[in-house]
Amino acid sequence: MFHINRFLFILKPGGFIMKIYTVLMTLLAMMLLSVQVMFGQTTNRTNPHSSHKQEKMSDNSRQDPTVVDAMHYQVIFENDQVRVLRINYGPYEKSVMHYHPEGVAVFMN
């Protein structure tokens, strides 16, 4: 004989089917999250320091700042290994696009 109380126990919160349903929904959410993270990590990102990016730069952007923006940039000392620039900007002043080769910058006030 079929007992309705057993059937209601299975469907009510805390029952066997509700526990299985909760476990399955949790597993599904974890799978969807892991797939989303996996696809988020495989995007094409270029290295900002790659030479390929520098090859694409136009000649205008590779210009020497002392030539392009002589008002703000001054060469103080230069030899084959070192180049010292004096850079002076006033409040709200902007510079034109220019290029700085790889190197070390030290800022002094």
PDB file of N, CA and C in Angstrom:
ATOM      1  N   MET A   1       0.828  -1.164   0.000  1.00  0.00           N
ATOM      2  CA  MET A   1       0.000   0.000   0.000  1.00  0.00           C
ATOM      3  C   MET A   1       0.888   1.248   0.000  1.00  0.00           C
ATOM      4  N   PHE A   2       0.477   2.262  -0.693  1.00  0.00           N
ATOM      5  CA  PHE A   2       1.222   3.507  -0.860  1.00  0.00           C
ATOM      6  C   PHE A   2       0.901   4.436   0.294  1.00  0.00           C
ATOM      7  N   HIS A   3       1.946   4.922   0.960  1.00  0.00           N
ATOM      8  CA  HIS A   3       1.753   5.842   2.073  1.00  0.00           C
ATOM      9  C   HIS A   3       2.116   7.250   1.628  1.00  0.00           C
ATOM     10  N   ILE A   4       1.194   8.172   1.736  1.00  0.00           N
ATOM     11  CA  ILE A   4       1.397   9.553   1.311  1.00  0.00           C
ATOM     12  C   ILE A   4       2.416  10.263   2.196  1.00  0.00           C
ATOM     13  N   ASN A   5       2.508   9.852   3.454  1.00  0.00           N
ATOM     14  CA  ASN A   5       3.462  10.499   4.356  1.00  0.00           C
ATOM     15  C   ASN A   5       4.901  10.271   3.908  1.00  0.00           C
ATOM     16  N   ARG A   6       5.232   9.074   3.417  1.00  0.00           N
ATOM     17  CA  ARG A   6       6.574   8.801   2.913  1.00  0.00           C
ATOM     18  C   ARG A   6       6.881   9.687   1.712  1.00  0.00           C
ATOM     19  N   PHE A   7       5.928   9.827   0.817  1.00  0.00           N
ATOM     20  CA  PHE A   7       6.124  10.635  -0.390  1.00  0.00           C
ATOM     21  C   PHE A   7       6.327  12.099  -0.023  1.00  0.00           C
ATOM     22  N   LEU A   8       5.568  12.621   0.909  1.00  0.00           N
ATOM     23  CA  LEU A   8       5.713  14.007   1.325  1.00  0.00           C
ATOM     24  C   LEU A   8       7.045  14.238   2.038  1.00  0.00           C
ATOM     25  N   PHE A   9       7.557  13.250   2.763  1.00  0.00           N
ATOM     26  CA  PHE A   9       8.845  13.378   3.426  1.00  0.00           C
ATOM     27  C   PHE A   9       9.966  13.516   2.399  1.00  0.00           C
ATOM     28  N   ILE A  10       9.858  12.801   1.304  1.00  0.00           N
ATOM     29  CA  ILE A  10      10.889  12.847   0.265  1.00  0.00           C
ATOM     30  C   ILE A  10      10.918  14.220  -0.392  1.00  0.00           C
ATOM     31  N   LEU A  11       9.777  14.870  -0.612  1.00  0.00           N
ATOM     32  CA  LEU A  11       9.723  16.142  -1.322  1.00  0.00           C
ATOM     33  C   LEU A  11       9.921  17.367  -0.437  1.00  0.00           C
ATOM     34  N   LYS A  12       9.707  17.237   0.851  1.00  0.00           N
ATOM     35  CA  LYS A  12       9.782  18.424   1.702  1.00  0.00           C
ATOM     36  C   LYS A  12      11.242  18.820   1.917  1.00  0.00           C
ATOM     37  N   PRO A  13      11.484  20.098   2.288  1.00  0.00           N
ATOM     38  CA  PRO A  13      12.854  20.536   2.549  1.00  0.00           C
ATOM     39  C   PRO A  13      13.496  19.679   3.625  1.00  0.00           C
ATOM     40  N   GLY A  14      14.729  19.245   3.365  1.00  0.00           N
ATOM     41  CA  GLY A  14      15.415  18.345   4.276  1.00  0.00           C
ATOM     42  C   GLY A  14      15.219  16.898   3.879  1.00  0.00           C
ATOM     43  N   GLY A  15      14.337  16.636   2.919  1.00  0.00           N
ATOM     44  CA  GLY A  15      14.111  15.279   2.456  1.00  0.00           C
ATOM     45  C   GLY A  15      15.200  14.833   1.491  1.00  0.00           C
ATOM     46  N   PHE A  16      15.151  13.568   1.116  1.00  0.00           N
ATOM     47  CA  PHE A  16      16.176  12.952   0.275  1.00  0.00           C
ATOM     48  C   PHE A  16      16.286  13.632  -1.088  1.00  0.00           C
ATOM     49  N   ILE A  17      15.177  13.870  -1.767  1.00  0.00           N
ATOM     50  CA  ILE A  17      15.203  14.464  -3.109  1.00  0.00           C
ATOM     51  C   ILE A  17      15.685  15.908  -3.033  1.00  0.00           C
ATOM     52  N   MET A  18      15.306  16.633  -2.004  1.00  0.00           N
ATOM     53  CA  MET A  18      15.765  18.010  -1.868  1.00  0.00           C
ATOM     54  C   MET A  18      17.272  18.054  -1.642  1.00  0.00           C
ATOM     55  N   LYS A  19      17.810  17.082  -0.906  1.00  0.00           N
ATOM     56  CA  LYS A  19      19.250  17.035  -0.687  1.00  0.00           C
ATOM     57  C   LYS A  19      19.981  16.744  -1.998  1.00  0.00           C
ATOM     58  N   ILE A  20      19.481  15.816  -2.770  1.00  0.00           N
ATOM     59  CA  ILE A  20      20.094  15.496  -4.069  1.00  0.00           C
ATOM     60  C   ILE A  20      19.987  16.697  -5.003  1.00  0.00           C
ATOM     61  N   TYR A  21      18.845  17.352  -5.017  1.00  0.00           N
ATOM     62  CA  TYR A  21      18.642  18.534  -5.856  1.00  0.00           C
ATOM     63  C   TYR A  21      19.643  19.632  -5.481  1.00  0.00           C
ATOM     64  N   THR A  22      19.833  19.853  -4.200  1.00  0.00           N
ATOM     65  CA  THR A  22      20.779  20.876  -3.743  1.00  0.00           C
ATOM     66  C   THR A  22      22.203  20.527  -4.156  1.00  0.00           C
ATOM     67  N   VAL A  23      22.587  19.282  -4.010  1.00  0.00           N
ATOM     68  CA  VAL A  23      23.933  18.852  -4.400  1.00  0.00           C
ATOM     69  C   VAL A  23      24.124  19.010  -5.905  1.00  0.00           C
ATOM     70  N   LEU A  24      23.139  18.612  -6.701  1.00  0.00           N
ATOM     71  CA  LEU A  24      23.252  18.731  -8.157  1.00  0.00           C
ATOM     72  C   LEU A  24      23.324  20.186  -8.601  1.00  0.00           C
ATOM     73  N   MET A  25      22.536  21.060  -8.008  1.00  0.00           N
ATOM     74  CA  MET A  25      22.582  22.482  -8.369  1.00  0.00           C
ATOM     75  C   MET A  25      23.927  23.104  -7.979  1.00  0.00           C
ATOM     76  N   THR A  26      24.471  22.692  -6.837  1.00  0.00           N
ATOM     77  CA  THR A  26      25.786  23.191  -6.421  1.00  0.00           C
ATOM     78  C   THR A  26      26.864  22.736  -7.394  1.00  0.00           C
ATOM     79  N   LEU A  27      26.826  21.469  -7.795  1.00  0.00           N
ATOM     80  CA  LEU A  27      27.798  20.963  -8.769  1.00  0.00           C
ATOM     81  C   LEU A  27      27.662  21.673 -10.109  1.00  0.00           C
ATOM     82  N   LEU A  28      26.443  21.919 -10.548  1.00  0.00           N
ATOM     83  CA  LEU A  28      26.222  22.622 -11.809  1.00  0.00           C
ATOM     84  C   LEU A  28      26.781  24.044 -11.747  1.00  0.00           C
ATOM     85  N   ALA A  29      26.540  24.728 -10.639  1.00  0.00           N
ATOM     86  CA  ALA A  29      27.062  26.091 -10.485  1.00  0.00           C
ATOM     87  C   ALA A  29      28.586  26.093 -10.479  1.00  0.00           C
ATOM     88  N   MET A  30      29.205  25.113  -9.831  1.00  0.00           N
ATOM     89  CA  MET A  30      30.664  25.029  -9.805  1.00  0.00           C
ATOM     90  C   MET A  30      31.223  24.743 -11.189  1.00  0.00           C
ATOM     91  N   MET A  31      30.552  23.884 -11.952  1.00  0.00           N
ATOM     92  CA  MET A  31      31.006  23.581 -13.315  1.00  0.00           C
ATOM     93  C   MET A  31      30.912  24.814 -14.199  1.00  0.00           C
ATOM     94  N   LEU A  32      29.804  25.540 -14.119  1.00  0.00           N
ATOM     95  CA  LEU A  32      29.655  26.746 -14.928  1.00  0.00           C
ATOM     96  C   LEU A  32      30.692  27.797 -14.559  1.00  0.00           C
ATOM     97  N   LEU A  33      30.969  27.941 -13.286  1.00  0.00           N
ATOM     98  CA  LEU A  33      31.971  28.900 -12.844  1.00  0.00           C
ATOM     99  C   LEU A  33      33.362  28.503 -13.325  1.00  0.00           C
ATOM    100  N   SER A  34      33.691  27.218 -13.254  1.00  0.00           N
ATOM    101  CA  SER A  34      35.017  26.784 -13.701  1.00  0.00           C
ATOM    102  C   SER A  34      35.176  26.943 -15.210  1.00  0.00           C
ATOM    103  N   VAL A  35      34.118  26.706 -15.985  1.00  0.00           N
ATOM    104  CA  VAL A  35      34.189  26.916 -17.433  1.00  0.00           C
ATOM    105  C   VAL A  35      34.377  28.399 -17.738  1.00  0.00           C
ATOM    106  N   GLN A  36      33.693  29.249 -17.017  1.00  0.00           N
ATOM    107  CA  GLN A  36      33.826  30.692 -17.223  1.00  0.00           C
ATOM    108  C   GLN A  36      35.241  31.158 -16.893  1.00  0.00           C
ATOM    109  N   VAL A  37      35.814  30.662 -15.823  1.00  0.00           N
ATOM    110  CA  VAL A  37      37.186  31.023 -15.460  1.00  0.00           C
ATOM    111  C   VAL A  37      38.160  30.496 -16.500  1.00  0.00           C
ATOM    112  N   MET A  38      37.918  29.278 -16.985  1.00  0.00           N
ATOM    113  CA  MET A  38      38.808  28.682 -17.980  1.00  0.00           C
ATOM    114  C   MET A  38      38.821  29.513 -19.260  1.00  0.00           C
ATOM    115  N   PHE A  39      37.674  29.944 -19.742  1.00  0.00           N
ATOM    116  CA  PHE A  39      37.629  30.755 -20.954  1.00  0.00           C
ATOM    117  C   PHE A  39      38.165  32.161 -20.702  1.00  0.00           C
ATOM    118  N   GLY A  40      38.036  32.668 -19.504  1.00  0.00           N
ATOM    119  CA  GLY A  40      38.577  33.976 -19.187  1.00  0.00           C
ATOM    120  C   GLY A  40      40.094  33.999 -19.191  1.00  0.00           C
ATOM    121  N   GLN A  41      40.728  32.846 -18.959  1.00  0.00           N
ATOM    122  CA  GLN A  41      42.181  32.788 -18.921  1.00  0.00           C
ATOM    123  C   GLN A  41      42.794  32.559 -20.288  1.00  0.00           C
ATOM    124  N   THR A  42      42.019  32.227 -21.289  1.00  0.00           N
ATOM    125  CA  THR A  42      42.585  31.923 -22.601  1.00  0.00           C
ATOM    126  C   THR A  42      42.431  33.061 -23.587  1.00  0.00           C
ATOM    127  N   THR A  43      42.174  34.276 -23.113  1.00  0.00           N
ATOM    128  CA  THR A  43      42.057  35.394 -24.040  1.00  0.00           C
ATOM    129  C   THR A  43      43.431  35.763 -24.563  1.00  0.00           C
ATOM    130  N   ASN A  44      43.477  36.314 -25.771  1.00  0.00           N
ATOM    131  CA  ASN A  44      44.736  36.735 -26.362  1.00  0.00           C
ATOM    132  C   ASN A  44      45.156  38.050 -25.739  1.00  0.00           C
ATOM    133  N   ARG A  45      46.219  38.009 -25.013  1.00  0.00           N
ATOM    134  CA  ARG A  45      46.760  39.224 -24.414  1.00  0.00           C
ATOM    135  C   ARG A  45      48.164  39.405 -24.940  1.00  0.00           C
ATOM    136  N   THR A  46      48.467  40.604 -25.369  1.00  0.00           N
ATOM    137  CA  THR A  46      49.800  40.856 -25.886  1.00  0.00           C
ATOM    138  C   THR A  46      50.662  41.453 -24.792  1.00  0.00           C
ATOM    139  N   ASN A  47      51.927  41.149 -24.864  1.00  0.00           N
ATOM    140  CA  ASN A  47      52.887  41.690 -23.917  1.00  0.00           C
ATOM    141  C   ASN A  47      53.136  43.152 -24.250  1.00  0.00           C
ATOM    142  N   PRO A  48      52.919  44.075 -23.323  1.00  0.00           N
ATOM    143  CA  PRO A  48      53.112  45.491 -23.649  1.00  0.00           C
ATOM    144  C   PRO A  48      54.564  45.834 -23.940  1.00  0.00           C
ATOM    145  N   HIS A  49      55.494  44.957 -23.546  1.00  0.00           N
ATOM    146  CA  HIS A  49      56.909  45.228 -23.770  1.00  0.00           C
ATOM    147  C   HIS A  49      57.450  44.484 -24.988  1.00  0.00           C
ATOM    148  N   SER A  50      56.583  43.874 -25.772  1.00  0.00           N
ATOM    149  CA  SER A  50      57.067  43.097 -26.910  1.00  0.00           C
ATOM    150  C   SER A  50      57.570  44.006 -28.016  1.00  0.00           C
ATOM    151  N   SER A  51      58.538  43.497 -28.767  1.00  0.00           N
ATOM    152  CA  SER A  51      59.106  44.288 -29.859  1.00  0.00           C
ATOM    153  C   SER A  51      58.114  44.392 -31.010  1.00  0.00           C
ATOM    154  N   HIS A  52      57.183  43.430 -31.104  1.00  0.00           N
ATOM    155  CA  HIS A  52      56.180  43.478 -32.171  1.00  0.00           C
ATOM    156  C   HIS A  52      55.330  44.739 -32.049  1.00  0.00           C
ATOM    157  N   LYS A  53      54.983  45.113 -30.832  1.00  0.00           N
ATOM    158  CA  LYS A  53      54.193  46.325 -30.627  1.00  0.00           C
ATOM    159  C   LYS A  53      55.012  47.550 -31.019  1.00  0.00           C
ATOM    160  N   GLN A  54      56.291  47.534 -30.690  1.00  0.00           N
ATOM    161  CA  GLN A  54      57.131  48.675 -31.017  1.00  0.00           C
ATOM    162  C   GLN A  54      57.338  48.797 -32.522  1.00  0.00           C
ATOM    163  N   GLU A  55      57.341  47.668 -33.244  1.00  0.00           N
ATOM    164  CA  GLU A  55      57.485  47.720 -34.694  1.00  0.00           C
ATOM    165  C   GLU A  55      56.269  48.358 -35.346  1.00  0.00           C
ATOM    166  N   LYS A  56      55.097  48.208 -34.729  1.00  0.00           N
ATOM    167  CA  LYS A  56      53.873  48.765 -35.293  1.00  0.00           C
ATOM    168  C   LYS A  56      53.758  50.267 -35.079  1.00  0.00           C
ATOM    169  N   MET A  57      54.542  50.810 -34.172  1.00  0.00           N
ATOM    170  CA  MET A  57      54.423  52.231 -33.861  1.00  0.00           C
ATOM    171  C   MET A  57      54.833  53.061 -35.068  1.00  0.00           C
ATOM    172  N   SER A  58      54.153  54.149 -35.277  1.00  0.00           N
ATOM    173  CA  SER A  58      54.472  55.015 -36.404  1.00  0.00           C
ATOM    174  C   SER A  58      55.740  55.800 -36.117  1.00  0.00           C
ATOM    175  N   ASP A  59      56.318  56.384 -37.159  1.00  0.00           N
ATOM    176  CA  ASP A  59      57.541  57.165 -37.003  1.00  0.00           C
ATOM    177  C   ASP A  59      57.319  58.399 -36.140  1.00  0.00           C
ATOM    178  N   ASN A  60      56.129  58.972 -36.180  1.00  0.00           N
ATOM    179  CA  ASN A  60      55.852  60.163 -35.372  1.00  0.00           C
ATOM    180  C   ASN A  60      55.938  59.863 -33.883  1.00  0.00           C
ATOM    181  N   SER A  61      55.472  58.681 -33.476  1.00  0.00           N
ATOM    182  CA  SER A  61      55.479  58.362 -32.057  1.00  0.00           C
ATOM    183  C   SER A  61      56.865  57.942 -31.586  1.00  0.00           C
ATOM    184  N   ARG A  62      57.783  57.649 -32.500  1.00  0.00           N
ATOM    185  CA  ARG A  62      59.144  57.267 -32.132  1.00  0.00           C
ATOM    186  C   ARG A  62      60.082  58.468 -32.098  1.00  0.00           C
ATOM    187  N   GLN A  63      59.573  59.640 -32.183  1.00  0.00           N
ATOM    188  CA  GLN A  63      60.436  60.813 -32.216  1.00  0.00           C
ATOM    189  C   GLN A  63      61.001  61.128 -30.841  1.00  0.00           C
ATOM    190  N   ASP A  64      62.167  61.722 -30.872  1.00  0.00           N
ATOM    191  CA  ASP A  64      62.875  62.106 -29.663  1.00  0.00           C
ATOM    192  C   ASP A  64      62.117  63.228 -28.948  1.00  0.00           C
ATOM    193  N   PRO A  65      61.875  63.096 -27.645  1.00  0.00           N
ATOM    194  CA  PRO A  65      61.116  64.144 -26.946  1.00  0.00           C
ATOM    195  C   PRO A  65      61.837  65.490 -26.927  1.00  0.00           C
ATOM    196  N   THR A  66      63.171  65.488 -26.989  1.00  0.00           N
ATOM    197  CA  THR A  66      63.891  66.766 -26.996  1.00  0.00           C
ATOM    198  C   THR A  66      63.702  67.502 -28.308  1.00  0.00           C
ATOM    199  N   VAL A  67      63.357  66.776 -29.376  1.00  0.00           N
ATOM    200  CA  VAL A  67      63.101  67.400 -30.674  1.00  0.00           C
ATOM    201  C   VAL A  67      61.632  67.795 -30.785  1.00  0.00           C
ATOM    202  N   VAL A  68      60.756  66.884 -30.412  1.00  0.00           N
ATOM    203  CA  VAL A  68      59.320  67.099 -30.568  1.00  0.00           C
ATOM    204  C   VAL A  68      58.784  68.123 -29.562  1.00  0.00           C
ATOM    205  N   ASP A  69      59.288  68.068 -28.327  1.00  0.00           N
ATOM    206  CA  ASP A  69      58.777  68.932 -27.259  1.00  0.00           C
ATOM    207  C   ASP A  69      59.945  69.618 -26.545  1.00  0.00           C
ATOM    208  N   ALA A  70      60.670  70.454 -27.277  1.00  0.00           N
ATOM    209  CA  ALA A  70      61.859  71.121 -26.730  1.00  0.00           C
ATOM    210  C   ALA A  70      61.513  72.093 -25.610  1.00  0.00           C
ATOM    211  N   MET A  71      60.274  72.511 -25.532  1.00  0.00           N
ATOM    212  CA  MET A  71      59.862  73.432 -24.478  1.00  0.00           C
ATOM    213  C   MET A  71      59.936  72.770 -23.097  1.00  0.00           C
ATOM    214  N   HIS A  72      59.684  71.455 -23.032  1.00  0.00           N
ATOM    215  CA  HIS A  72      59.663  70.746 -21.760  1.00  0.00           C
ATOM    216  C   HIS A  72      60.899  69.880 -21.528  1.00  0.00           C
ATOM    217  N   TYR A  73      61.594  69.433 -22.579  1.00  0.00           N
ATOM    218  CA  TYR A  73      62.703  68.489 -22.467  1.00  0.00           C
ATOM    219  C   TYR A  73      64.019  69.152 -22.850  1.00  0.00           C
ATOM    220  N   GLN A  74      65.063  68.978 -22.012  1.00  0.00           N
ATOM    221  CA  GLN A  74      66.401  69.496 -22.273  1.00  0.00           C
ATOM    222  C   GLN A  74      67.412  68.389 -22.046  1.00  0.00           C
ATOM    223  N   VAL A  75      68.399  68.244 -22.918  1.00  0.00           N
ATOM    224  CA  VAL A  75      69.479  67.288 -22.699  1.00  0.00           C
ATOM    225  C   VAL A  75      70.528  67.969 -21.828  1.00  0.00           C
ATOM    226  N   ILE A  76      70.792  67.389 -20.657  1.00  0.00           N
ATOM    227  CA  ILE A  76      71.791  67.919 -19.733  1.00  0.00           C
ATOM    228  C   ILE A  76      73.143  67.273 -19.997  1.00  0.00           C
ATOM    229  N   PHE A  77      73.159  65.951 -20.169  1.00  0.00           N
ATOM    230  CA  PHE A  77      74.389  65.203 -20.411  1.00  0.00           C
ATOM    231  C   PHE A  77      74.047  63.999 -21.275  1.00  0.00           C
ATOM    232  N   GLU A  78      74.967  63.653 -22.195  1.00  0.00           N
ATOM    233  CA  GLU A  78      74.719  62.494 -23.052  1.00  0.00           C
ATOM    234  C   GLU A  78      76.048  61.902 -23.494  1.00  0.00           C
ATOM    235  N   ASN A  79      76.155  60.571 -23.396  1.00  0.00           N
ATOM    236  CA  ASN A  79      77.262  59.836 -23.999  1.00  0.00           C
ATOM    237  C   ASN A  79      76.707  58.540 -24.564  1.00  0.00           C
ATOM    238  N   ASP A  80      77.570  57.558 -24.885  1.00  0.00           N
ATOM    239  CA  ASP A  80      77.074  56.341 -25.528  1.00  0.00           C
ATOM    240  C   ASP A  80      76.294  55.441 -24.579  1.00  0.00           C
ATOM    241  N   GLN A  81      76.389  55.649 -23.268  1.00  0.00           N
ATOM    242  CA  GLN A  81      75.681  54.799 -22.312  1.00  0.00           C
ATOM    243  C   GLN A  81      74.624  55.535 -21.492  1.00  0.00           C
ATOM    244  N   VAL A  82      74.757  56.823 -21.342  1.00  0.00           N
ATOM    245  CA  VAL A  82      73.881  57.575 -20.444  1.00  0.00           C
ATOM    246  C   VAL A  82      73.335  58.798 -21.159  1.00  0.00           C
ATOM    247  N   ARG A  83      72.093  59.091 -20.876  1.00  0.00           N
ATOM    248  CA  ARG A  83      71.478  60.318 -21.359  1.00  0.00           C
ATOM    249  C   ARG A  83      70.675  60.914 -20.210  1.00  0.00           C
ATOM    250  N   VAL A  84      71.004  62.127 -19.842  1.00  0.00           N
ATOM    251  CA  VAL A  84      70.329  62.796 -18.731  1.00  0.00           C
ATOM    252  C   VAL A  84      69.476  63.912 -19.312  1.00  0.00           C
ATOM    253  N   LEU A  85      68.189  63.873 -18.990  1.00  0.00           N
ATOM    254  CA  LEU A  85      67.255  64.889 -19.472  1.00  0.00           C
ATOM    255  C   LEU A  85      66.724  65.692 -18.296  1.00  0.00           C
ATOM    256  N   ARG A  86      66.504  66.967 -18.517  1.00  0.00           N
ATOM    257  CA  ARG A  86      65.780  67.792 -17.554  1.00  0.00           C
ATOM    258  C   ARG A  86      64.388  67.994 -18.148  1.00  0.00           C
ATOM    259  N   ILE A  87      63.402  67.568 -17.397  1.00  0.00           N
ATOM    260  CA  ILE A  87      62.015  67.646 -17.859  1.00  0.00           C
ATOM    261  C   ILE A  87      61.268  68.547 -16.891  1.00  0.00           C
ATOM    262  N   ASN A  88      60.613  69.547 -17.424  1.00  0.00           N
ATOM    263  CA  ASN A  88      59.927  70.508 -16.567  1.00  0.00           C
ATOM    264  C   ASN A  88      58.547  70.808 -17.150  1.00  0.00           C
ATOM    265  N   TYR A  89      57.519  70.472 -16.377  1.00  0.00           N
ATOM    266  CA  TYR A  89      56.131  70.751 -16.755  1.00  0.00           C
ATOM    267  C   TYR A  89      55.516  71.661 -15.712  1.00  0.00           C
ATOM    268  N   GLY A  90      54.800  72.641 -16.169  1.00  0.00           N
ATOM    269  CA  GLY A  90      54.030  73.483 -15.270  1.00  0.00           C
ATOM    270  C   GLY A  90      52.672  72.853 -15.005  1.00  0.00           C
ATOM    271  N   PRO A  91      51.873  73.461 -14.131  1.00  0.00           N
ATOM    272  CA  PRO A  91      50.537  72.930 -13.865  1.00  0.00           C
ATOM    273  C   PRO A  91      49.684  72.932 -15.132  1.00  0.00           C
ATOM    274  N   TYR A  92      48.992  71.848 -15.364  1.00  0.00           N
ATOM    275  CA  TYR A  92      48.049  71.661 -16.471  1.00  0.00           C
ATOM    276  C   TYR A  92      48.715  71.646 -17.844  1.00  0.00           C
ATOM    277  N   GLU A  93      50.030  71.557 -17.926  1.00  0.00           N
ATOM    278  CA  GLU A  93      50.704  71.469 -19.220  1.00  0.00           C
ATOM    279  C   GLU A  93      50.720  70.028 -19.684  1.00  0.00           C
ATOM    280  N   LYS A  94      50.664  69.842 -20.992  1.00  0.00           N
ATOM    281  CA  LYS A  94      50.658  68.511 -21.592  1.00  0.00           C
ATOM    282  C   LYS A  94      51.789  68.409 -22.591  1.00  0.00           C
ATOM    283  N   SER A  95      52.140  67.179 -22.905  1.00  0.00           N
ATOM    284  CA  SER A  95      53.206  66.921 -23.866  1.00  0.00           C
ATOM    285  C   SER A  95      52.623  66.325 -25.135  1.00  0.00           C
ATOM    286  N   VAL A  96      53.380  66.442 -26.208  1.00  0.00           N
ATOM    287  CA  VAL A  96      52.987  65.787 -27.454  1.00  0.00           C
ATOM    288  C   VAL A  96      53.455  64.336 -27.393  1.00  0.00           C
ATOM    289  N   MET A  97      52.926  63.486 -28.278  1.00  0.00           N
ATOM    290  CA  MET A  97      53.329  62.085 -28.309  1.00  0.00           C
ATOM    291  C   MET A  97      54.792  61.978 -28.703  1.00  0.00           C
ATOM    292  N   HIS A  98      55.533  61.130 -27.978  1.00  0.00           N
ATOM    293  CA  HIS A  98      56.937  60.911 -28.274  1.00  0.00           C
ATOM    294  C   HIS A  98      57.322  59.525 -27.781  1.00  0.00           C
ATOM    295  N   TYR A  99      58.577  59.156 -27.969  1.00  0.00           N
ATOM    296  CA  TYR A  99      59.046  57.811 -27.673  1.00  0.00           C
ATOM    297  C   TYR A  99      60.210  57.871 -26.691  1.00  0.00           C
ATOM    298  N   HIS A 100      60.205  56.984 -25.695  1.00  0.00           N
ATOM    299  CA  HIS A 100      61.339  56.814 -24.788  1.00  0.00           C
ATOM    300  C   HIS A 100      61.859  55.392 -24.967  1.00  0.00           C
ATOM    301  N   PRO A 101      63.128  55.223 -25.310  1.00  0.00           N
ATOM    302  CA  PRO A 101      63.674  53.863 -25.403  1.00  0.00           C
ATOM    303  C   PRO A 101      63.743  53.231 -24.017  1.00  0.00           C
ATOM    304  N   GLU A 102      64.017  51.913 -23.986  1.00  0.00           N
ATOM    305  CA  GLU A 102      64.100  51.240 -22.694  1.00  0.00           C
ATOM    306  C   GLU A 102      65.181  51.884 -21.851  1.00  0.00           C
ATOM    307  N   GLY A 103      64.945  51.960 -20.581  1.00  0.00           N
ATOM    308  CA  GLY A 103      65.931  52.559 -19.704  1.00  0.00           C
ATOM    309  C   GLY A 103      65.417  52.689 -18.296  1.00  0.00           C
ATOM    310  N   VAL A 104      66.156  53.415 -17.497  1.00  0.00           N
ATOM    311  CA  VAL A 104      65.803  53.644 -16.107  1.00  0.00           C
ATOM    312  C   VAL A 104      65.488  55.121 -15.941  1.00  0.00           C
ATOM    313  N   ALA A 105      64.454  55.426 -15.213  1.00  0.00           N
ATOM    314  CA  ALA A 105      64.086  56.820 -14.966  1.00  0.00           C
ATOM    315  C   ALA A 105      64.184  57.095 -13.472  1.00  0.00           C
ATOM    316  N   VAL A 106      64.787  58.218 -13.131  1.00  0.00           N
ATOM    317  CA  VAL A 106      64.866  58.674 -11.748  1.00  0.00           C
ATOM    318  C   VAL A 106      64.230  60.050 -11.704  1.00  0.00           C
ATOM    319  N   PHE A 107      63.261  60.233 -10.831  1.00  0.00           N
ATOM    320  CA  PHE A 107      62.542  61.501 -10.733  1.00  0.00           C
ATOM    321  C   PHE A 107      62.990  62.234  -9.474  1.00  0.00           C
ATOM    322  N   MET A 108      63.405  63.475  -9.649  1.00  0.00           N
ATOM    323  CA  MET A 108      63.820  64.292  -8.506  1.00  0.00           C
ATOM    324  C   MET A 108      63.041  65.598  -8.530  1.00  0.00           C
ATOM    325  N   ASN A 109      62.649  66.055  -7.370  1.00  0.00           N
ATOM    326  CA  ASN A 109      61.943  67.332  -7.248  1.00  0.00           C
ATOM    327  C   ASN A 109      62.874  68.388  -6.713  1.00  0.00           C
TER     328      ASN A 109
END
